[in-house]
Amino acid sequence: MGCWVKLVNNREKENLLVEFLANPLEMNDKIANIKIPVPFKSSGGVIRQNEVAFDVYKLDGHYCLKPCLSEQERTVANLPEELSFKMEEGKPVSLRGKIDGNFHVIADAVKLLQDEVELV
């Protein structure tokens, strides 16, 4: 499964992503919509990777990933209403602490956004 980024305003693509990485304290808005694979548990305990869309926001010095799923879908995917993190020395740090069962989602989102900057 591939990943993709859909920016809120394509004309400002480079500026948004560069600012996301270089000046994380200066943005306060939705900056992107991304899709990344997330494990879902289906019947029989089978786990499958399904692509989930997330809105990416910059809020008060940290970032927030909000899954575009219903409450029932979030429960099946074991995702909270939002995943919050900050950037420290170029690396994501979950605001839930070191033992965040969904950190892989945060890491995948940051990697995707960083890869997009390199492609610009």
PDB file of N, CA and C in Angstrom:
ATOM      1  N   MET A   1       0.836  -1.183   0.000  1.00  0.00           N
ATOM      2  CA  MET A   1       0.000   0.000   0.000  1.00  0.00           C
ATOM      3  C   MET A   1       0.877   1.241   0.000  1.00  0.00           C
ATOM      4  N   GLY A   2       0.553   2.159  -0.851  1.00  0.00           N
ATOM      5  CA  GLY A   2       1.327   3.380  -0.905  1.00  0.00           C
ATOM      6  C   GLY A   2       0.804   4.421   0.054  1.00  0.00           C
ATOM      7  N   CYS A   3       1.549   5.470   0.213  1.00  0.00           N
ATOM      8  CA  CYS A   3       1.151   6.596   1.053  1.00  0.00           C
ATOM      9  C   CYS A   3       1.070   7.827   0.168  1.00  0.00           C
ATOM     10  N   TRP A   4       0.243   8.776   0.560  1.00  0.00           N
ATOM     11  CA  TRP A   4       0.167  10.015  -0.200  1.00  0.00           C
ATOM     12  C   TRP A   4      -0.115  11.180   0.716  1.00  0.00           C
ATOM     13  N   VAL A   5       0.206  12.374   0.213  1.00  0.00           N
ATOM     14  CA  VAL A   5      -0.034  13.614   0.944  1.00  0.00           C
ATOM     15  C   VAL A   5      -0.872  14.516   0.059  1.00  0.00           C
ATOM     16  N   LYS A   6      -1.950  15.043   0.602  1.00  0.00           N
ATOM     17  CA  LYS A   6      -2.745  16.046  -0.098  1.00  0.00           C
ATOM     18  C   LYS A   6      -2.688  17.300   0.746  1.00  0.00           C
ATOM     19  N   LEU A   7      -2.056  18.323   0.233  1.00  0.00           N
ATOM     20  CA  LEU A   7      -1.910  19.560   0.996  1.00  0.00           C
ATOM     21  C   LEU A   7      -3.149  20.429   0.855  1.00  0.00           C
ATOM     22  N   VAL A   8      -3.373  21.215   1.885  1.00  0.00           N
ATOM     23  CA  VAL A   8      -4.538  22.088   1.912  1.00  0.00           C
ATOM     24  C   VAL A   8      -4.489  23.079   0.755  1.00  0.00           C
ATOM     25  N   ASN A   9      -3.341  23.626   0.465  1.00  0.00           N
ATOM     26  CA  ASN A   9      -3.192  24.603  -0.603  1.00  0.00           C
ATOM     27  C   ASN A   9      -1.960  24.206  -1.420  1.00  0.00           C
ATOM     28  N   ASN A  10      -2.162  23.624  -2.579  1.00  0.00           N
ATOM     29  CA  ASN A  10      -1.048  23.097  -3.367  1.00  0.00           C
ATOM     30  C   ASN A  10      -0.036  24.172  -3.764  1.00  0.00           C
ATOM     31  N   ARG A  11      -0.471  25.417  -3.957  1.00  0.00           N
ATOM     32  CA  ARG A  11       0.466  26.479  -4.341  1.00  0.00           C
ATOM     33  C   ARG A  11       1.506  26.728  -3.259  1.00  0.00           C
ATOM     34  N   GLU A  12       1.160  26.456  -2.019  1.00  0.00           N
ATOM     35  CA  GLU A  12       2.076  26.699  -0.912  1.00  0.00           C
ATOM     36  C   GLU A  12       2.713  25.405  -0.408  1.00  0.00           C
ATOM     37  N   LYS A  13       2.711  24.373  -1.236  1.00  0.00           N
ATOM     38  CA  LYS A  13       3.215  23.054  -0.855  1.00  0.00           C
ATOM     39  C   LYS A  13       4.612  23.110  -0.246  1.00  0.00           C
ATOM     40  N   GLU A  14       5.539  23.695  -0.948  1.00  0.00           N
ATOM     41  CA  GLU A  14       6.913  23.740  -0.454  1.00  0.00           C
ATOM     42  C   GLU A  14       7.004  24.531   0.840  1.00  0.00           C
ATOM     43  N   ASN A  15       6.370  25.688   0.890  1.00  0.00           N
ATOM     44  CA  ASN A  15       6.445  26.525   2.085  1.00  0.00           C
ATOM     45  C   ASN A  15       5.854  25.840   3.314  1.00  0.00           C
ATOM     46  N   LEU A  16       4.710  25.184   3.157  1.00  0.00           N
ATOM     47  CA  LEU A  16       4.087  24.511   4.293  1.00  0.00           C
ATOM     48  C   LEU A  16       4.959  23.397   4.845  1.00  0.00           C
ATOM     49  N   LEU A  17       5.490  22.568   3.966  1.00  0.00           N
ATOM     50  CA  LEU A  17       6.278  21.438   4.432  1.00  0.00           C
ATOM     51  C   LEU A  17       7.616  21.861   4.994  1.00  0.00           C
ATOM     52  N   VAL A  18       8.249  22.839   4.381  1.00  0.00           N
ATOM     53  CA  VAL A  18       9.511  23.335   4.920  1.00  0.00           C
ATOM     54  C   VAL A  18       9.277  23.963   6.287  1.00  0.00           C
ATOM     55  N   GLU A  19       8.190  24.730   6.421  1.00  0.00           N
ATOM     56  CA  GLU A  19       7.883  25.352   7.711  1.00  0.00           C
ATOM     57  C   GLU A  19       7.525  24.308   8.757  1.00  0.00           C
ATOM     58  N   PHE A  20       6.834  23.241   8.336  1.00  0.00           N
ATOM     59  CA  PHE A  20       6.487  22.150   9.256  1.00  0.00           C
ATOM     60  C   PHE A  20       7.741  21.567   9.897  1.00  0.00           C
ATOM     61  N   LEU A  21       8.795  21.441   9.113  1.00  0.00           N
ATOM     62  CA  LEU A  21      10.021  20.832   9.624  1.00  0.00           C
ATOM     63  C   LEU A  21      10.969  21.845  10.262  1.00  0.00           C
ATOM     64  N   ALA A  22      11.026  23.056   9.735  1.00  0.00           N
ATOM     65  CA  ALA A  22      12.023  24.021  10.198  1.00  0.00           C
ATOM     66  C   ALA A  22      11.530  24.915  11.337  1.00  0.00           C
ATOM     67  N   ASN A  23      10.276  25.302  11.318  1.00  0.00           N
ATOM     68  CA  ASN A  23       9.750  26.242  12.314  1.00  0.00           C
ATOM     69  C   ASN A  23       8.462  25.712  12.925  1.00  0.00           C
ATOM     70  N   PRO A  24       8.540  24.645  13.702  1.00  0.00           N
ATOM     71  CA  PRO A  24       7.318  24.024  14.176  1.00  0.00           C
ATOM     72  C   PRO A  24       6.465  24.888  15.102  1.00  0.00           C
ATOM     73  N   LEU A  25       6.974  25.968  15.647  1.00  0.00           N
ATOM     74  CA  LEU A  25       6.191  26.781  16.573  1.00  0.00           C
ATOM     75  C   LEU A  25       5.452  27.930  15.902  1.00  0.00           C
ATOM     76  N   GLU A  26       5.586  28.077  14.583  1.00  0.00           N
ATOM     77  CA  GLU A  26       5.020  29.242  13.918  1.00  0.00           C
ATOM     78  C   GLU A  26       3.766  28.972  13.100  1.00  0.00           C
ATOM     79  N   MET A  27       3.204  27.780  13.169  1.00  0.00           N
ATOM     80  CA  MET A  27       2.014  27.475  12.386  1.00  0.00           C
ATOM     81  C   MET A  27       0.869  27.074  13.323  1.00  0.00           C
ATOM     82  N   ASN A  28      -0.341  27.463  12.990  1.00  0.00           N
ATOM     83  CA  ASN A  28      -1.506  27.106  13.803  1.00  0.00           C
ATOM     84  C   ASN A  28      -2.708  26.826  12.914  1.00  0.00           C
ATOM     85  N   ASP A  29      -2.652  25.763  12.079  1.00  0.00           N
ATOM     86  CA  ASP A  29      -3.747  25.493  11.176  1.00  0.00           C
ATOM     87  C   ASP A  29      -3.607  24.089  10.613  1.00  0.00           C
ATOM     88  N   LYS A  30      -4.632  23.663   9.874  1.00  0.00           N
ATOM     89  CA  LYS A  30      -4.541  22.391   9.155  1.00  0.00           C
ATOM     90  C   LYS A  30      -3.497  22.554   8.062  1.00  0.00           C
ATOM     91  N   ILE A  31      -2.540  21.653   8.046  1.00  0.00           N
ATOM     92  CA  ILE A  31      -1.460  21.809   7.070  1.00  0.00           C
ATOM     93  C   ILE A  31      -1.460  20.738   5.996  1.00  0.00           C
ATOM     94  N   ALA A  32      -2.107  19.611   6.230  1.00  0.00           N
ATOM     95  CA  ALA A  32      -2.096  18.556   5.217  1.00  0.00           C
ATOM     96  C   ALA A  32      -3.164  17.519   5.518  1.00  0.00           C
ATOM     97  N   ASN A  33      -3.434  16.699   4.523  1.00  0.00           N
ATOM     98  CA  ASN A  33      -4.252  15.510   4.671  1.00  0.00           C
ATOM     99  C   ASN A  33      -3.421  14.381   4.096  1.00  0.00           C
ATOM    100  N   ILE A  34      -3.162  13.362   4.897  1.00  0.00           N
ATOM    101  CA  ILE A  34      -2.305  12.266   4.463  1.00  0.00           C
ATOM    102  C   ILE A  34      -3.024  10.938   4.608  1.00  0.00           C
ATOM    103  N   LYS A  35      -2.569   9.934   3.881  1.00  0.00           N
ATOM    104  CA  LYS A  35      -3.069   8.571   4.027  1.00  0.00           C
ATOM    105  C   LYS A  35      -1.892   7.676   4.347  1.00  0.00           C
ATOM    106  N   ILE A  36      -2.049   6.879   5.399  1.00  0.00           N
ATOM    107  CA  ILE A  36      -1.015   5.922   5.764  1.00  0.00           C
ATOM    108  C   ILE A  36      -1.662   4.601   6.168  1.00  0.00           C
ATOM    109  N   PRO A  37      -0.965   3.485   5.958  1.00  0.00           N
ATOM    110  CA  PRO A  37      -1.516   2.192   6.346  1.00  0.00           C
ATOM    111  C   PRO A  37      -1.528   2.013   7.863  1.00  0.00           C
ATOM    112  N   VAL A  38      -2.645   1.502   8.368  1.00  0.00           N
ATOM    113  CA  VAL A  38      -2.832   1.269   9.801  1.00  0.00           C
ATOM    114  C   VAL A  38      -3.398  -0.144   9.962  1.00  0.00           C
ATOM    115  N   PRO A  39      -2.899  -0.912  10.950  1.00  0.00           N
ATOM    116  CA  PRO A  39      -3.441  -2.255  11.154  1.00  0.00           C
ATOM    117  C   PRO A  39      -4.857  -2.227  11.735  1.00  0.00           C
ATOM    118  N   PHE A  40      -5.755  -2.992  11.135  1.00  0.00           N
ATOM    119  CA  PHE A  40      -7.130  -3.159  11.598  1.00  0.00           C
ATOM    120  C   PHE A  40      -7.326  -4.622  11.962  1.00  0.00           C
ATOM    121  N   LYS A  41      -7.979  -4.885  13.087  1.00  0.00           N
ATOM    122  CA  LYS A  41      -8.300  -6.260  13.453  1.00  0.00           C
ATOM    123  C   LYS A  41      -9.670  -6.588  12.884  1.00  0.00           C
ATOM    124  N   SER A  42      -9.731  -7.653  12.085  1.00  0.00           N
ATOM    125  CA  SER A  42     -11.011  -8.075  11.518  1.00  0.00           C
ATOM    126  C   SER A  42     -11.475  -9.351  12.197  1.00  0.00           C
ATOM    127  N   SER A  43     -12.595  -9.883  11.735  1.00  0.00           N
ATOM    128  CA  SER A  43     -13.156 -11.088  12.359  1.00  0.00           C
ATOM    129  C   SER A  43     -12.139 -12.224  12.338  1.00  0.00           C
ATOM    130  N   GLY A  44     -12.165 -13.013  13.371  1.00  0.00           N
ATOM    131  CA  GLY A  44     -11.228 -14.124  13.479  1.00  0.00           C
ATOM    132  C   GLY A  44      -9.857 -13.696  13.960  1.00  0.00           C
ATOM    133  N   GLY A  45      -9.715 -12.437  14.380  1.00  0.00           N
ATOM    134  CA  GLY A  45      -8.434 -11.948  14.875  1.00  0.00           C
ATOM    135  C   GLY A  45      -7.419 -11.658  13.796  1.00  0.00           C
ATOM    136  N   VAL A  46      -7.840 -11.690  12.528  1.00  0.00           N
ATOM    137  CA  VAL A  46      -6.932 -11.401  11.417  1.00  0.00           C
ATOM    138  C   VAL A  46      -6.651  -9.897  11.380  1.00  0.00           C
ATOM    139  N   ILE A  47      -5.385  -9.546  11.254  1.00  0.00           N
ATOM    140  CA  ILE A  47      -5.007  -8.136  11.198  1.00  0.00           C
ATOM    141  C   ILE A  47      -4.636  -7.784   9.769  1.00  0.00           C
ATOM    142  N   ARG A  48      -5.256  -6.731   9.266  1.00  0.00           N
ATOM    143  CA  ARG A  48      -4.981  -6.248   7.902  1.00  0.00           C
ATOM    144  C   ARG A  48      -4.553  -4.793   7.950  1.00  0.00           C
ATOM    145  N   GLN A  49      -3.740  -4.424   6.980  1.00  0.00           N
ATOM    146  CA  GLN A  49      -3.344  -3.028   6.833  1.00  0.00           C
ATOM    147  C   GLN A  49      -4.382  -2.328   5.945  1.00  0.00           C
ATOM    148  N   ASN A  50      -4.998  -1.280   6.459  1.00  0.00           N
ATOM    149  CA  ASN A  50      -5.922  -0.450   5.686  1.00  0.00           C
ATOM    150  C   ASN A  50      -5.403   0.976   5.683  1.00  0.00           C
ATOM    151  N   GLU A  51      -5.527   1.645   4.546  1.00  0.00           N
ATOM    152  CA  GLU A  51      -5.118   3.046   4.494  1.00  0.00           C
ATOM    153  C   GLU A  51      -6.145   3.904   5.208  1.00  0.00           C
ATOM    154  N   VAL A  52      -5.645   4.781   6.055  1.00  0.00           N
ATOM    155  CA  VAL A  52      -6.488   5.697   6.820  1.00  0.00           C
ATOM    156  C   VAL A  52      -6.057   7.125   6.493  1.00  0.00           C
ATOM    157  N   ALA A  53      -7.027   7.986   6.243  1.00  0.00           N
ATOM    158  CA  ALA A  53      -6.746   9.405   6.016  1.00  0.00           C
ATOM    159  C   ALA A  53      -6.657  10.105   7.367  1.00  0.00           C
ATOM    160  N   PHE A  54      -5.669  10.994   7.487  1.00  0.00           N
ATOM    161  CA  PHE A  54      -5.487  11.801   8.686  1.00  0.00           C
ATOM    162  C   PHE A  54      -5.384  13.263   8.273  1.00  0.00           C
ATOM    163  N   ASP A  55      -6.042  14.140   9.011  1.00  0.00           N
ATOM    164  CA  ASP A  55      -5.810  15.571   8.869  1.00  0.00           C
ATOM    165  C   ASP A  55      -4.655  15.912   9.804  1.00  0.00           C
ATOM    166  N   VAL A  56      -3.712  16.719   9.316  1.00  0.00           N
ATOM    167  CA  VAL A  56      -2.549  17.116  10.110  1.00  0.00           C
ATOM    168  C   VAL A  56      -2.711  18.589  10.482  1.00  0.00           C
ATOM    169  N   TYR A  57      -2.645  18.866  11.774  1.00  0.00           N
ATOM    170  CA  TYR A  57      -2.803  20.227  12.286  1.00  0.00           C
ATOM    171  C   TYR A  57      -1.570  20.644  13.068  1.00  0.00           C
ATOM    172  N   LYS A  58      -1.317  21.931  13.086  1.00  0.00           N
ATOM    173  CA  LYS A  58      -0.295  22.544  13.940  1.00  0.00           C
ATOM    174  C   LYS A  58      -1.044  23.324  15.002  1.00  0.00           C
ATOM    175  N   LEU A  59      -0.873  22.936  16.274  1.00  0.00           N
ATOM    176  CA  LEU A  59      -1.627  23.557  17.366  1.00  0.00           C
ATOM    177  C   LEU A  59      -0.724  23.859  18.547  1.00  0.00           C
ATOM    178  N   ASP A  60      -0.591  25.105  18.890  1.00  0.00           N
ATOM    179  CA  ASP A  60       0.108  25.516  20.116  1.00  0.00           C
ATOM    180  C   ASP A  60       1.460  24.839  20.325  1.00  0.00           C
ATOM    181  N   GLY A  61       2.289  24.832  19.320  1.00  0.00           N
ATOM    182  CA  GLY A  61       3.643  24.287  19.464  1.00  0.00           C
ATOM    183  C   GLY A  61       3.760  22.792  19.294  1.00  0.00           C
ATOM    184  N   HIS A  62       2.667  22.113  18.954  1.00  0.00           N
ATOM    185  CA  HIS A  62       2.760  20.681  18.679  1.00  0.00           C
ATOM    186  C   HIS A  62       1.900  20.354  17.458  1.00  0.00           C
ATOM    187  N   TYR A  63       1.990  19.126  17.010  1.00  0.00           N
ATOM    188  CA  TYR A  63       1.239  18.669  15.849  1.00  0.00           C
ATOM    189  C   TYR A  63       0.183  17.673  16.294  1.00  0.00           C
ATOM    190  N   CYS A  64      -0.867  17.587  15.511  1.00  0.00           N
ATOM    191  CA  CYS A  64      -1.986  16.718  15.835  1.00  0.00           C
ATOM    192  C   CYS A  64      -2.406  15.979  14.564  1.00  0.00           C
ATOM    193  N   LEU A  65      -2.507  14.666  14.668  1.00  0.00           N
ATOM    194  CA  LEU A  65      -3.035  13.835  13.588  1.00  0.00           C
ATOM    195  C   LEU A  65      -4.437  13.408  13.991  1.00  0.00           C
ATOM    196  N   LYS A  66      -5.421  13.764  13.176  1.00  0.00           N
ATOM    197  CA  LYS A  66      -6.804  13.383  13.473  1.00  0.00           C
ATOM    198  C   LYS A  66      -7.273  12.400  12.409  1.00  0.00           C
ATOM    199  N   PRO A  67      -7.534  11.141  12.809  1.00  0.00           N
ATOM    200  CA  PRO A  67      -7.997  10.166  11.821  1.00  0.00           C
ATOM    201  C   PRO A  67      -9.385  10.530  11.296  1.00  0.00           C
ATOM    202  N   CYS A  68      -9.568  10.392  10.004  1.00  0.00           N
ATOM    203  CA  CYS A  68     -10.856  10.683   9.364  1.00  0.00           C
ATOM    204  C   CYS A  68     -11.688   9.405   9.374  1.00  0.00           C
ATOM    205  N   LEU A  69     -12.046   8.965  10.572  1.00  0.00           N
ATOM    206  CA  LEU A  69     -12.807   7.736  10.788  1.00  0.00           C
ATOM    207  C   LEU A  69     -13.933   7.997  11.779  1.00  0.00           C
ATOM    208  N   SER A  70     -14.959   7.173  11.704  1.00  0.00           N
ATOM    209  CA  SER A  70     -16.028   7.243  12.703  1.00  0.00           C
ATOM    210  C   SER A  70     -15.497   6.666  14.015  1.00  0.00           C
ATOM    211  N   GLU A  71     -16.250   6.874  15.084  1.00  0.00           N
ATOM    212  CA  GLU A  71     -15.839   6.334  16.381  1.00  0.00           C
ATOM    213  C   GLU A  71     -15.733   4.808  16.332  1.00  0.00           C
ATOM    214  N   GLN A  72     -16.666   4.182  15.643  1.00  0.00           N
ATOM    215  CA  GLN A  72     -16.639   2.718  15.518  1.00  0.00           C
ATOM    216  C   GLN A  72     -15.402   2.260  14.735  1.00  0.00           C
ATOM    217  N   GLU A  73     -15.082   2.945  13.650  1.00  0.00           N
ATOM    218  CA  GLU A  73     -13.897   2.584  12.859  1.00  0.00           C
ATOM    219  C   GLU A  73     -12.613   2.808  13.663  1.00  0.00           C
ATOM    220  N   ARG A  74     -12.569   3.893  14.441  1.00  0.00           N
ATOM    221  CA  ARG A  74     -11.387   4.144  15.288  1.00  0.00           C
ATOM    222  C   ARG A  74     -11.208   3.035  16.319  1.00  0.00           C
ATOM    223  N   THR A  75     -12.308   2.539  16.849  1.00  0.00           N
ATOM    224  CA  THR A  75     -12.243   1.452  17.823  1.00  0.00           C
ATOM    225  C   THR A  75     -11.647   0.197  17.188  1.00  0.00           C
ATOM    226  N   VAL A  76     -12.105  -0.153  15.996  1.00  0.00           N
ATOM    227  CA  VAL A  76     -11.576  -1.329  15.289  1.00  0.00           C
ATOM    228  C   VAL A  76     -10.095  -1.145  14.972  1.00  0.00           C
ATOM    229  N   ALA A  77      -9.704   0.074  14.620  1.00  0.00           N
ATOM    230  CA  ALA A  77      -8.303   0.360  14.279  1.00  0.00           C
ATOM    231  C   ALA A  77      -7.451   0.634  15.519  1.00  0.00           C
ATOM    232  N   ASN A  78      -8.089   0.676  16.687  1.00  0.00           N
ATOM    233  CA  ASN A  78      -7.391   0.996  17.940  1.00  0.00           C
ATOM    234  C   ASN A  78      -6.680   2.355  17.860  1.00  0.00           C
ATOM    235  N   LEU A  79      -7.398   3.345  17.345  1.00  0.00           N
ATOM    236  CA  LEU A  79      -6.858   4.699  17.224  1.00  0.00           C
ATOM    237  C   LEU A  79      -7.638   5.646  18.138  1.00  0.00           C
ATOM    238  N   PRO A  80      -6.934   6.554  18.809  1.00  0.00           N
ATOM    239  CA  PRO A  80      -7.637   7.570  19.604  1.00  0.00           C
ATOM    240  C   PRO A  80      -8.224   8.646  18.691  1.00  0.00           C
ATOM    241  N   GLU A  81      -8.953   9.573  19.276  1.00  0.00           N
ATOM    242  CA  GLU A  81      -9.547  10.670  18.509  1.00  0.00           C
ATOM    243  C   GLU A  81      -8.469  11.513  17.827  1.00  0.00           C
ATOM    244  N   GLU A  82      -7.316  11.634  18.479  1.00  0.00           N
ATOM    245  CA  GLU A  82      -6.198  12.362  17.880  1.00  0.00           C
ATOM    246  C   GLU A  82      -4.880  11.845  18.446  1.00  0.00           C
ATOM    247  N   LEU A  83      -3.840  11.986  17.654  1.00  0.00           N
ATOM    248  CA  LEU A  83      -2.477  11.632  18.066  1.00  0.00           C
ATOM    249  C   LEU A  83      -1.665  12.918  18.067  1.00  0.00           C
ATOM    250  N   SER A  84      -1.134  13.293  19.215  1.00  0.00           N
ATOM    251  CA  SER A  84      -0.393  14.549  19.332  1.00  0.00           C
ATOM    252  C   SER A  84       1.088  14.273  19.532  1.00  0.00           C
ATOM    253  N   PHE A  85       1.907  15.105  18.902  1.00  0.00           N
ATOM    254  CA  PHE A  85       3.354  14.960  19.030  1.00  0.00           C
ATOM    255  C   PHE A  85       4.027  16.304  18.803  1.00  0.00           C
ATOM    256  N   LYS A  86       5.291  16.370  19.215  1.00  0.00           N
ATOM    257  CA  LYS A  86       6.109  17.552  18.944  1.00  0.00           C
ATOM    258  C   LYS A  86       7.382  17.078  18.267  1.00  0.00           C
ATOM    259  N   MET A  87       8.065  18.005  17.655  1.00  0.00           N
ATOM    260  CA  MET A  87       9.337  17.690  17.001  1.00  0.00           C
ATOM    261  C   MET A  87      10.466  18.155  17.906  1.00  0.00           C
ATOM    262  N   GLU A  88      11.395  17.255  18.210  1.00  0.00           N
ATOM    263  CA  GLU A  88      12.576  17.584  18.996  1.00  0.00           C
ATOM    264  C   GLU A  88      13.797  17.071  18.243  1.00  0.00           C
ATOM    265  N   GLU A  89      14.682  17.981  17.895  1.00  0.00           N
ATOM    266  CA  GLU A  89      15.900  17.640  17.161  1.00  0.00           C
ATOM    267  C   GLU A  89      15.577  16.863  15.888  1.00  0.00           C
ATOM    268  N   GLY A  90      14.519  17.275  15.195  1.00  0.00           N
ATOM    269  CA  GLY A  90      14.142  16.660  13.929  1.00  0.00           C
ATOM    270  C   GLY A  90      13.429  15.333  14.043  1.00  0.00           C
ATOM    271  N   LYS A  91      13.072  14.916  15.271  1.00  0.00           N
ATOM    272  CA  LYS A  91      12.402  13.630  15.471  1.00  0.00           C
ATOM    273  C   LYS A  91      11.087  13.833  16.215  1.00  0.00           C
ATOM    274  N   PRO A  92      10.076  13.016  15.867  1.00  0.00           N
ATOM    275  CA  PRO A  92       8.790  13.146  16.558  1.00  0.00           C
ATOM    276  C   PRO A  92       8.842  12.558  17.967  1.00  0.00           C
ATOM    277  N   VAL A  93       8.153  13.233  18.902  1.00  0.00           N
ATOM    278  CA  VAL A  93       8.036  12.755  20.280  1.00  0.00           C
ATOM    279  C   VAL A  93       6.549  12.806  20.639  1.00  0.00           C
ATOM    280  N   SER A  94       5.979  11.659  20.964  1.00  0.00           N
ATOM    281  CA  SER A  94       4.562  11.588  21.308  1.00  0.00           C
ATOM    282  C   SER A  94       4.294  12.339  22.609  1.00  0.00           C
ATOM    283  N   LEU A  95       3.190  13.060  22.657  1.00  0.00           N
ATOM    284  CA  LEU A  95       2.799  13.741  23.884  1.00  0.00           C
ATOM    285  C   LEU A  95       2.165  12.764  24.879  1.00  0.00           C
ATOM    286  N   ARG A  96       1.934  11.526  24.468  1.00  0.00           N
ATOM    287  CA  ARG A  96       1.408  10.494  25.361  1.00  0.00           C
ATOM    288  C   ARG A  96       2.525   9.783  26.119  1.00  0.00           C
ATOM    289  N   GLY A  97       3.768  10.114  25.799  1.00  0.00           N
ATOM    290  CA  GLY A  97       4.885   9.494  26.495  1.00  0.00           C
ATOM    291  C   GLY A  97       5.614   8.469  25.638  1.00  0.00           C
ATOM    292  N   LYS A  98       6.619   7.863  26.240  1.00  0.00           N
ATOM    293  CA  LYS A  98       7.474   6.930  25.501  1.00  0.00           C
ATOM    294  C   LYS A  98       6.753   5.646  25.112  1.00  0.00           C
ATOM    295  N   ILE A  99       5.755   5.255  25.886  1.00  0.00           N
ATOM    296  CA  ILE A  99       5.048   4.009  25.584  1.00  0.00           C
ATOM    297  C   ILE A  99       3.709   4.369  24.952  1.00  0.00           C
ATOM    298  N   ASP A 100       3.753   4.744  23.684  1.00  0.00           N
ATOM    299  CA  ASP A 100       2.559   5.100  22.923  1.00  0.00           C
ATOM    300  C   ASP A 100       2.344   3.996  21.898  1.00  0.00           C
ATOM    301  N   GLY A 101       1.289   3.209  22.075  1.00  0.00           N
ATOM    302  CA  GLY A 101       1.015   2.087  21.185  1.00  0.00           C
ATOM    303  C   GLY A 101       0.744   2.481  19.753  1.00  0.00           C
ATOM    304  N   ASN A 102       0.502   3.762  19.510  1.00  0.00           N
ATOM    305  CA  ASN A 102       0.246   4.238  18.149  1.00  0.00           C
ATOM    306  C   ASN A 102       1.380   5.102  17.607  1.00  0.00           C
ATOM    307  N   PHE A 103       2.559   5.012  18.234  1.00  0.00           N
ATOM    308  CA  PHE A 103       3.673   5.845  17.775  1.00  0.00           C
ATOM    309  C   PHE A 103       4.048   5.544  16.330  1.00  0.00           C
ATOM    310  N   HIS A 104       3.849   4.304  15.890  1.00  0.00           N
ATOM    311  CA  HIS A 104       4.173   3.951  14.504  1.00  0.00           C
ATOM    312  C   HIS A 104       3.393   4.825  13.515  1.00  0.00           C
ATOM    313  N   VAL A 105       2.177   5.214  13.868  1.00  0.00           N
ATOM    314  CA  VAL A 105       1.378   6.083  13.008  1.00  0.00           C
ATOM    315  C   VAL A 105       2.019   7.468  12.941  1.00  0.00           C
ATOM    316  N   ILE A 106       2.437   7.985  14.086  1.00  0.00           N
ATOM    317  CA  ILE A 106       3.108   9.291  14.127  1.00  0.00           C
ATOM    318  C   ILE A 106       4.393   9.245  13.309  1.00  0.00           C
ATOM    319  N   ALA A 107       5.209   8.214  13.527  1.00  0.00           N
ATOM    320  CA  ALA A 107       6.482   8.088  12.812  1.00  0.00           C
ATOM    321  C   ALA A 107       6.255   7.995  11.304  1.00  0.00           C
ATOM    322  N   ASP A 108       5.257   7.216  10.877  1.00  0.00           N
ATOM    323  CA  ASP A 108       4.954   7.093   9.444  1.00  0.00           C
ATOM    324  C   ASP A 108       4.502   8.425   8.859  1.00  0.00           C
ATOM    325  N   ALA A 109       3.695   9.171   9.601  1.00  0.00           N
ATOM    326  CA  ALA A 109       3.208  10.470   9.122  1.00  0.00           C
ATOM    327  C   ALA A 109       4.362  11.457   8.955  1.00  0.00           C
ATOM    328  N   VAL A 110       5.236  11.527   9.944  1.00  0.00           N
ATOM    329  CA  VAL A 110       6.369  12.457   9.863  1.00  0.00           C
ATOM    330  C   VAL A 110       7.294  12.063   8.720  1.00  0.00           C
ATOM    331  N   LYS A 111       7.566  10.778   8.568  1.00  0.00           N
ATOM    332  CA  LYS A 111       8.426  10.303   7.474  1.00  0.00           C
ATOM    333  C   LYS A 111       7.825  10.679   6.132  1.00  0.00           C
ATOM    334  N   LEU A 112       6.524  10.489   6.001  1.00  0.00           N
ATOM    335  CA  LEU A 112       5.838  10.834   4.757  1.00  0.00           C
ATOM    336  C   LEU A 112       5.973  12.323   4.446  1.00  0.00           C
ATOM    337  N   LEU A 113       5.774  13.166   5.432  1.00  0.00           N
ATOM    338  CA  LEU A 113       5.896  14.605   5.219  1.00  0.00           C
ATOM    339  C   LEU A 113       7.343  14.999   4.926  1.00  0.00           C
ATOM    340  N   GLN A 114       8.303  14.382   5.595  1.00  0.00           N
ATOM    341  CA  GLN A 114       9.708  14.681   5.330  1.00  0.00           C
ATOM    342  C   GLN A 114      10.103  14.229   3.929  1.00  0.00           C
ATOM    343  N   ASP A 115       9.626  13.062   3.486  1.00  0.00           N
ATOM    344  CA  ASP A 115       9.922  12.573   2.136  1.00  0.00           C
ATOM    345  C   ASP A 115       9.366  13.525   1.098  1.00  0.00           C
ATOM    346  N   GLU A 116       8.202  14.079   1.364  1.00  0.00           N
ATOM    347  CA  GLU A 116       7.574  15.004   0.418  1.00  0.00           C
ATOM    348  C   GLU A 116       8.415  16.267   0.256  1.00  0.00           C
ATOM    349  N   VAL A 117       9.021  16.730   1.333  1.00  0.00           N
ATOM    350  CA  VAL A 117       9.877  17.919   1.248  1.00  0.00           C
ATOM    351  C   VAL A 117      11.057  17.637   0.354  1.00  0.00           C
ATOM    352  N   GLU A 118      11.654  16.445   0.463  1.00  0.00           N
ATOM    353  CA  GLU A 118      12.807  16.097  -0.362  1.00  0.00           C
ATOM    354  C   GLU A 118      12.441  16.022  -1.840  1.00  0.00           C
ATOM    355  N   LEU A 119      11.178  15.720  -2.151  1.00  0.00           N
ATOM    356  CA  LEU A 119      10.749  15.612  -3.541  1.00  0.00           C
ATOM    357  C   LEU A 119      10.475  16.972  -4.179  1.00  0.00           C
ATOM    358  N   VAL A 120      10.317  18.012  -3.362  1.00  0.00           N
ATOM    359  CA  VAL A 120       9.969  19.348  -3.872  1.00  0.00           C
ATOM    360  C   VAL A 120      11.138  19.938  -4.622  1.00  0.00           C
TER     361      VAL A 120
END
